[in-house]
Amino acid sequence: MPGDDHELKKHSLLIAGHATSITLENIFWREFKRLAKAQGLSLGELVTEIDKTRQGNLSSAIRIFVLENALKN
């Protein structure tokens, strides 16, 4: 829902077989889920790919991934 775009929520995920959590604004989370689906990947698979090359924390790396993909289109 657009009204809650800025609300932060914690999400639990598996990365390379281990549990972790990330905190993202709803607007980033919705777009991240859309990108995973568009690429035919589960959320865990896409997070694992991002985790392999990230610099800094995982939540920031996901935001950058979403933004870079938005700028491509």
PDB file of N, CA and C in Angstrom:
ATOM      1  N   MET A   1       0.833  -1.181   0.000  1.00  0.00           N
ATOM      2  CA  MET A   1       0.000   0.000   0.000  1.00  0.00           C
ATOM      3  C   MET A   1       0.880   1.248   0.000  1.00  0.00           C
ATOM      4  N   PRO A   2       0.605   2.159  -0.887  1.00  0.00           N
ATOM      5  CA  PRO A   2       1.437   3.359  -0.986  1.00  0.00           C
ATOM      6  C   PRO A   2       1.517   4.184   0.294  1.00  0.00           C
ATOM      7  N   GLY A   3       0.497   4.203   1.103  1.00  0.00           N
ATOM      8  CA  GLY A   3       0.509   5.005   2.319  1.00  0.00           C
ATOM      9  C   GLY A   3       1.534   4.568   3.339  1.00  0.00           C
ATOM     10  N   ASP A   4       1.977   3.316   3.242  1.00  0.00           N
ATOM     11  CA  ASP A   4       2.948   2.819   4.217  1.00  0.00           C
ATOM     12  C   ASP A   4       4.321   2.568   3.587  1.00  0.00           C
ATOM     13  N   ASP A   5       4.618   3.241   2.477  1.00  0.00           N
ATOM     14  CA  ASP A   5       5.878   3.034   1.763  1.00  0.00           C
ATOM     15  C   ASP A   5       7.105   3.209   2.640  1.00  0.00           C
ATOM     16  N   HIS A   6       7.072   4.162   3.559  1.00  0.00           N
ATOM     17  CA  HIS A   6       8.252   4.501   4.355  1.00  0.00           C
ATOM     18  C   HIS A   6       8.380   3.678   5.627  1.00  0.00           C
ATOM     19  N   GLU A   7       7.380   2.884   5.936  1.00  0.00           N
ATOM     20  CA  GLU A   7       7.409   2.080   7.160  1.00  0.00           C
ATOM     21  C   GLU A   7       8.487   0.994   7.053  1.00  0.00           C
ATOM     22  N   LEU A   8       9.315   0.900   8.080  1.00  0.00           N
ATOM     23  CA  LEU A   8      10.353  -0.134   8.142  1.00  0.00           C
ATOM     24  C   LEU A   8       9.771  -1.419   8.719  1.00  0.00           C
ATOM     25  N   LYS A   9      10.128  -2.533   8.089  1.00  0.00           N
ATOM     26  CA  LYS A   9       9.714  -3.836   8.605  1.00  0.00           C
ATOM     27  C   LYS A   9      10.890  -4.790   8.541  1.00  0.00           C
ATOM     28  N   LYS A  10      10.944  -5.678   9.515  1.00  0.00           N
ATOM     29  CA  LYS A  10      11.979  -6.699   9.564  1.00  0.00           C
ATOM     30  C   LYS A  10      11.459  -7.938   8.842  1.00  0.00           C
ATOM     31  N   HIS A  11      12.316  -8.542   8.012  1.00  0.00           N
ATOM     32  CA  HIS A  11      11.964  -9.727   7.239  1.00  0.00           C
ATOM     33  C   HIS A  11      13.005 -10.805   7.500  1.00  0.00           C
ATOM     34  N   SER A  12      12.558 -12.011   7.777  1.00  0.00           N
ATOM     35  CA  SER A  12      13.454 -13.141   8.007  1.00  0.00           C
ATOM     36  C   SER A  12      13.678 -13.887   6.697  1.00  0.00           C
ATOM     37  N   LEU A  13      14.932 -14.255   6.444  1.00  0.00           N
ATOM     38  CA  LEU A  13      15.316 -14.930   5.209  1.00  0.00           C
ATOM     39  C   LEU A  13      16.379 -15.973   5.479  1.00  0.00           C
ATOM     40  N   LEU A  14      16.543 -16.881   4.528  1.00  0.00           N
ATOM     41  CA  LEU A  14      17.660 -17.813   4.546  1.00  0.00           C
ATOM     42  C   LEU A  14      18.657 -17.365   3.496  1.00  0.00           C
ATOM     43  N   ILE A  15      19.905 -17.247   3.897  1.00  0.00           N
ATOM     44  CA  ILE A  15      20.983 -16.894   2.973  1.00  0.00           C
ATOM     45  C   ILE A  15      22.005 -18.009   3.025  1.00  0.00           C
ATOM     46  N   ALA A  16      22.159 -18.677   1.894  1.00  0.00           N
ATOM     47  CA  ALA A  16      23.111 -19.788   1.804  1.00  0.00           C
ATOM     48  C   ALA A  16      22.916 -20.759   2.964  1.00  0.00           C
ATOM     49  N   GLY A  17      21.666 -21.012   3.313  1.00  0.00           N
ATOM     50  CA  GLY A  17      21.350 -21.994   4.336  1.00  0.00           C
ATOM     51  C   GLY A  17      21.332 -21.493   5.764  1.00  0.00           C
ATOM     52  N   HIS A  18      21.655 -20.235   6.017  1.00  0.00           N
ATOM     53  CA  HIS A  18      21.588 -19.739   7.394  1.00  0.00           C
ATOM     54  C   HIS A  18      20.555 -18.619   7.512  1.00  0.00           C
ATOM     55  N   ALA A  19      19.891 -18.594   8.641  1.00  0.00           N
ATOM     56  CA  ALA A  19      18.827 -17.618   8.875  1.00  0.00           C
ATOM     57  C   ALA A  19      19.401 -16.250   9.198  1.00  0.00           C
ATOM     58  N   THR A  20      18.760 -15.228   8.664  1.00  0.00           N
ATOM     59  CA  THR A  20      19.125 -13.852   8.966  1.00  0.00           C
ATOM     60  C   THR A  20      17.880 -12.993   8.826  1.00  0.00           C
ATOM     61  N   SER A  21      17.992 -11.755   9.199  1.00  0.00           N
ATOM     62  CA  SER A  21      16.867 -10.843   8.982  1.00  0.00           C
ATOM     63  C   SER A  21      17.403  -9.534   8.424  1.00  0.00           C
ATOM     64  N   ILE A  22      16.550  -8.886   7.646  1.00  0.00           N
ATOM     65  CA  ILE A  22      16.875  -7.581   7.090  1.00  0.00           C
ATOM     66  C   ILE A  22      15.733  -6.638   7.430  1.00  0.00           C
ATOM     67  N   THR A  23      16.043  -5.368   7.475  1.00  0.00           N
ATOM     68  CA  THR A  23      15.031  -4.350   7.720  1.00  0.00           C
ATOM     69  C   THR A  23      14.997  -3.429   6.506  1.00  0.00           C
ATOM     70  N   LEU A  24      13.824  -3.362   5.881  1.00  0.00           N
ATOM     71  CA  LEU A  24      13.651  -2.538   4.688  1.00  0.00           C
ATOM     72  C   LEU A  24      12.349  -1.766   4.758  1.00  0.00           C
ATOM     73  N   GLU A  25      12.329  -0.624   4.117  1.00  0.00           N
ATOM     74  CA  GLU A  25      11.089   0.111   3.934  1.00  0.00           C
ATOM     75  C   GLU A  25      10.194  -0.715   3.011  1.00  0.00           C
ATOM     76  N   ASN A  26       8.889  -0.605   3.220  1.00  0.00           N
ATOM     77  CA  ASN A  26       7.942  -1.392   2.440  1.00  0.00           C
ATOM     78  C   ASN A  26       8.099  -1.185   0.940  1.00  0.00           C
ATOM     79  N   ILE A  27       8.389   0.033   0.510  1.00  0.00           N
ATOM     80  CA  ILE A  27       8.515   0.298  -0.926  1.00  0.00           C
ATOM     81  C   ILE A  27       9.673  -0.505  -1.534  1.00  0.00           C
ATOM     82  N   PHE A  28      10.778  -0.639  -0.808  1.00  0.00           N
ATOM     83  CA  PHE A  28      11.901  -1.436  -1.293  1.00  0.00           C
ATOM     84  C   PHE A  28      11.566  -2.922  -1.258  1.00  0.00           C
ATOM     85  N   TRP A  29      10.893  -3.365  -0.204  1.00  0.00           N
ATOM     86  CA  TRP A  29      10.546  -4.772  -0.067  1.00  0.00           C
ATOM     87  C   TRP A  29       9.621  -5.217  -1.203  1.00  0.00           C
ATOM     88  N   ARG A  30       8.613  -4.415  -1.522  1.00  0.00           N
ATOM     89  CA  ARG A  30       7.686  -4.779  -2.596  1.00  0.00           C
ATOM     90  C   ARG A  30       8.415  -4.863  -3.940  1.00  0.00           C
ATOM     91  N   GLU A  31       9.280  -3.903  -4.216  1.00  0.00           N
ATOM     92  CA  GLU A  31      10.007  -3.919  -5.483  1.00  0.00           C
ATOM     93  C   GLU A  31      11.014  -5.064  -5.518  1.00  0.00           C
ATOM     94  N   PHE A  32      11.633  -5.355  -4.404  1.00  0.00           N
ATOM     95  CA  PHE A  32      12.582  -6.473  -4.335  1.00  0.00           C
ATOM     96  C   PHE A  32      11.867  -7.790  -4.639  1.00  0.00           C
ATOM     97  N   LYS A  33      10.692  -7.991  -4.067  1.00  0.00           N
ATOM     98  CA  LYS A  33       9.911  -9.203  -4.340  1.00  0.00           C
ATOM     99  C   LYS A  33       9.536  -9.269  -5.828  1.00  0.00           C
ATOM    100  N   ARG A  34       9.175  -8.141  -6.416  1.00  0.00           N
ATOM    101  CA  ARG A  34       8.809  -8.104  -7.831  1.00  0.00           C
ATOM    102  C   ARG A  34      10.012  -8.481  -8.701  1.00  0.00           C
ATOM    103  N   LEU A  35      11.178  -7.940  -8.367  1.00  0.00           N
ATOM    104  CA  LEU A  35      12.386  -8.239  -9.136  1.00  0.00           C
ATOM    105  C   LEU A  35      12.765  -9.715  -9.031  1.00  0.00           C
ATOM    106  N   ALA A  36      12.654 -10.300  -7.861  1.00  0.00           N
ATOM    107  CA  ALA A  36      12.955 -11.720  -7.692  1.00  0.00           C
ATOM    108  C   ALA A  36      12.034 -12.554  -8.582  1.00  0.00           C
ATOM    109  N   LYS A  37      10.755 -12.248  -8.539  1.00  0.00           N
ATOM    110  CA  LYS A  37       9.786 -12.984  -9.357  1.00  0.00           C
ATOM    111  C   LYS A  37      10.086 -12.821 -10.841  1.00  0.00           C
ATOM    112  N   ALA A  38      10.397 -11.597 -11.256  1.00  0.00           N
ATOM    113  CA  ALA A  38      10.694 -11.322 -12.662  1.00  0.00           C
ATOM    114  C   ALA A  38      11.926 -12.085 -13.141  1.00  0.00           C
ATOM    115  N   GLN A  39      12.859 -12.341 -12.229  1.00  0.00           N
ATOM    116  CA  GLN A  39      14.078 -13.072 -12.575  1.00  0.00           C
ATOM    117  C   GLN A  39      13.928 -14.577 -12.377  1.00  0.00           C
ATOM    118  N   GLY A  40      12.749 -15.003 -11.916  1.00  0.00           N
ATOM    119  CA  GLY A  40      12.507 -16.431 -11.702  1.00  0.00           C
ATOM    120  C   GLY A  40      13.264 -16.993 -10.513  1.00  0.00           C
ATOM    121  N   LEU A  41      13.521 -16.138  -9.522  1.00  0.00           N
ATOM    122  CA  LEU A  41      14.273 -16.546  -8.334  1.00  0.00           C
ATOM    123  C   LEU A  41      13.406 -16.417  -7.088  1.00  0.00           C
ATOM    124  N   SER A  42      13.710 -17.239  -6.105  1.00  0.00           N
ATOM    125  CA  SER A  42      13.089 -17.038  -4.798  1.00  0.00           C
ATOM    126  C   SER A  42      13.775 -15.842  -4.144  1.00  0.00           C
ATOM    127  N   LEU A  43      13.146 -15.302  -3.118  1.00  0.00           N
ATOM    128  CA  LEU A  43      13.781 -14.198  -2.382  1.00  0.00           C
ATOM    129  C   LEU A  43      15.127 -14.630  -1.822  1.00  0.00           C
ATOM    130  N   GLY A  44      15.168 -15.832  -1.268  1.00  0.00           N
ATOM    131  CA  GLY A  44      16.415 -16.344  -0.701  1.00  0.00           C
ATOM    132  C   GLY A  44      17.518 -16.467  -1.729  1.00  0.00           C
ATOM    133  N   GLU A  45      17.159 -16.925  -2.927  1.00  0.00           N
ATOM    134  CA  GLU A  45      18.156 -17.059  -3.992  1.00  0.00           C
ATOM    135  C   GLU A  45      18.707 -15.693  -4.404  1.00  0.00           C
ATOM    136  N   LEU A  46      17.818 -14.726  -4.540  1.00  0.00           N
ATOM    137  CA  LEU A  46      18.274 -13.391  -4.939  1.00  0.00           C
ATOM    138  C   LEU A  46      19.111 -12.741  -3.840  1.00  0.00           C
ATOM    139  N   VAL A  47      18.701 -12.896  -2.599  1.00  0.00           N
ATOM    140  CA  VAL A  47      19.487 -12.349  -1.483  1.00  0.00           C
ATOM    141  C   VAL A  47      20.858 -13.009  -1.430  1.00  0.00           C
ATOM    142  N   THR A  48      20.916 -14.307  -1.673  1.00  0.00           N
ATOM    143  CA  THR A  48      22.201 -15.007  -1.674  1.00  0.00           C
ATOM    144  C   THR A  48      23.128 -14.443  -2.739  1.00  0.00           C
ATOM    145  N   GLU A  49      22.583 -14.154  -3.930  1.00  0.00           N
ATOM    146  CA  GLU A  49      23.385 -13.554  -5.001  1.00  0.00           C
ATOM    147  C   GLU A  49      23.899 -12.172  -4.595  1.00  0.00           C
ATOM    148  N   ILE A  50      23.040 -11.357  -4.020  1.00  0.00           N
ATOM    149  CA  ILE A  50      23.441 -10.014  -3.580  1.00  0.00           C
ATOM    150  C   ILE A  50      24.485 -10.111  -2.478  1.00  0.00           C
ATOM    151  N   ASP A  51      24.297 -11.063  -1.571  1.00  0.00           N
ATOM    152  CA  ASP A  51      25.195 -11.236  -0.431  1.00  0.00           C
ATOM    153  C   ASP A  51      26.618 -11.583  -0.877  1.00  0.00           C
ATOM    154  N   LYS A  52      26.759 -12.278  -1.983  1.00  0.00           N
ATOM    155  CA  LYS A  52      28.082 -12.699  -2.469  1.00  0.00           C
ATOM    156  C   LYS A  52      28.977 -11.518  -2.843  1.00  0.00           C
ATOM    157  N   THR A  53      28.373 -10.422  -3.290  1.00  0.00           N
ATOM    158  CA  THR A  53      29.187  -9.313  -3.803  1.00  0.00           C
ATOM    159  C   THR A  53      28.999  -8.008  -3.038  1.00  0.00           C
ATOM    160  N   ARG A  54      28.251  -8.044  -1.974  1.00  0.00           N
ATOM    161  CA  ARG A  54      27.930  -6.792  -1.287  1.00  0.00           C
ATOM    162  C   ARG A  54      29.120  -6.212  -0.552  1.00  0.00           C
ATOM    163  N   GLN A  55      29.061  -4.899  -0.386  1.00  0.00           N
ATOM    164  CA  GLN A  55      29.963  -4.169   0.490  1.00  0.00           C
ATOM    165  C   GLN A  55      29.055  -3.417   1.443  1.00  0.00           C
ATOM    166  N   GLY A  56      29.297  -3.496   2.715  1.00  0.00           N
ATOM    167  CA  GLY A  56      28.397  -2.866   3.676  1.00  0.00           C
ATOM    168  C   GLY A  56      27.331  -3.840   4.128  1.00  0.00           C
ATOM    169  N   ASN A  57      26.280  -3.292   4.756  1.00  0.00           N
ATOM    170  CA  ASN A  57      25.272  -4.189   5.309  1.00  0.00           C
ATOM    171  C   ASN A  57      24.294  -4.669   4.243  1.00  0.00           C
ATOM    172  N   LEU A  58      23.631  -5.762   4.524  1.00  0.00           N
ATOM    173  CA  LEU A  58      22.772  -6.418   3.554  1.00  0.00           C
ATOM    174  C   LEU A  58      21.561  -5.579   3.179  1.00  0.00           C
ATOM    175  N   SER A  59      20.939  -4.929   4.135  1.00  0.00           N
ATOM    176  CA  SER A  59      19.775  -4.098   3.824  1.00  0.00           C
ATOM    177  C   SER A  59      20.149  -2.994   2.835  1.00  0.00           C
ATOM    178  N   SER A  60      21.287  -2.368   3.037  1.00  0.00           N
ATOM    179  CA  SER A  60      21.749  -1.326   2.112  1.00  0.00           C
ATOM    180  C   SER A  60      22.039  -1.913   0.734  1.00  0.00           C
ATOM    181  N   ALA A  61      22.631  -3.078   0.705  1.00  0.00           N
ATOM    182  CA  ALA A  61      22.945  -3.719  -0.576  1.00  0.00           C
ATOM    183  C   ALA A  61      21.669  -4.029  -1.353  1.00  0.00           C
ATOM    184  N   ILE A  62      20.622  -4.428  -0.669  1.00  0.00           N
ATOM    185  CA  ILE A  62      19.349  -4.706  -1.344  1.00  0.00           C
ATOM    186  C   ILE A  62      18.741  -3.407  -1.866  1.00  0.00           C
ATOM    187  N   ARG A  63      18.797  -2.344  -1.072  1.00  0.00           N
ATOM    188  CA  ARG A  63      18.280  -1.050  -1.550  1.00  0.00           C
ATOM    189  C   ARG A  63      19.011  -0.603  -2.815  1.00  0.00           C
ATOM    190  N   ILE A  64      20.331  -0.759  -2.822  1.00  0.00           N
ATOM    191  CA  ILE A  64      21.129  -0.375  -3.988  1.00  0.00           C
ATOM    192  C   ILE A  64      20.749  -1.236  -5.189  1.00  0.00           C
ATOM    193  N   PHE A  65      20.571  -2.532  -4.971  1.00  0.00           N
ATOM    194  CA  PHE A  65      20.156  -3.432  -6.046  1.00  0.00           C
ATOM    195  C   PHE A  65      18.827  -2.982  -6.643  1.00  0.00           C
ATOM    196  N   VAL A  66      17.863  -2.675  -5.791  1.00  0.00           N
ATOM    197  CA  VAL A  66      16.544  -2.232  -6.261  1.00  0.00           C
ATOM    198  C   VAL A  66      16.684  -0.923  -7.037  1.00  0.00           C
ATOM    199  N   LEU A  67      17.447   0.013  -6.506  1.00  0.00           N
ATOM    200  CA  LEU A  67      17.614   1.310  -7.170  1.00  0.00           C
ATOM    201  C   LEU A  67      18.320   1.140  -8.518  1.00  0.00           C
ATOM    202  N   GLU A  68      19.370   0.352  -8.569  1.00  0.00           N
ATOM    203  CA  GLU A  68      20.081   0.143  -9.832  1.00  0.00           C
ATOM    204  C   GLU A  68      19.156  -0.464 -10.883  1.00  0.00           C
ATOM    205  N   ASN A  69      18.301  -1.385 -10.477  1.00  0.00           N
ATOM    206  CA  ASN A  69      17.358  -1.986 -11.417  1.00  0.00           C
ATOM    207  C   ASN A  69      16.307  -1.003 -11.864  1.00  0.00           C
ATOM    208  N   ALA A  70      15.883  -0.130 -10.973  1.00  0.00           N
ATOM    209  CA  ALA A  70      14.899   0.900 -11.332  1.00  0.00           C
ATOM    210  C   ALA A  70      15.496   1.872 -12.342  1.00  0.00           C
ATOM    211  N   LEU A  71      16.780   2.189 -12.196  1.00  0.00           N
ATOM    212  CA  LEU A  71      17.436   3.136 -13.098  1.00  0.00           C
ATOM    213  C   LEU A  71      17.674   2.538 -14.489  1.00  0.00           C
ATOM    214  N   LYS A  72      17.729   1.206 -14.576  1.00  0.00           N
ATOM    215  CA  LYS A  72      17.915   0.538 -15.863  1.00  0.00           C
ATOM    216  C   LYS A  72      16.666   0.633 -16.729  1.00  0.00           C
ATOM    217  N   ASN A  73      15.527   0.788 -16.082  1.00  0.00           N
ATOM    218  CA  ASN A  73      14.246   0.775 -16.825  1.00  0.00           C
ATOM    219  C   ASN A  73      13.724   2.125 -17.093  1.00  0.00           C
TER     220      ASN A  73
END
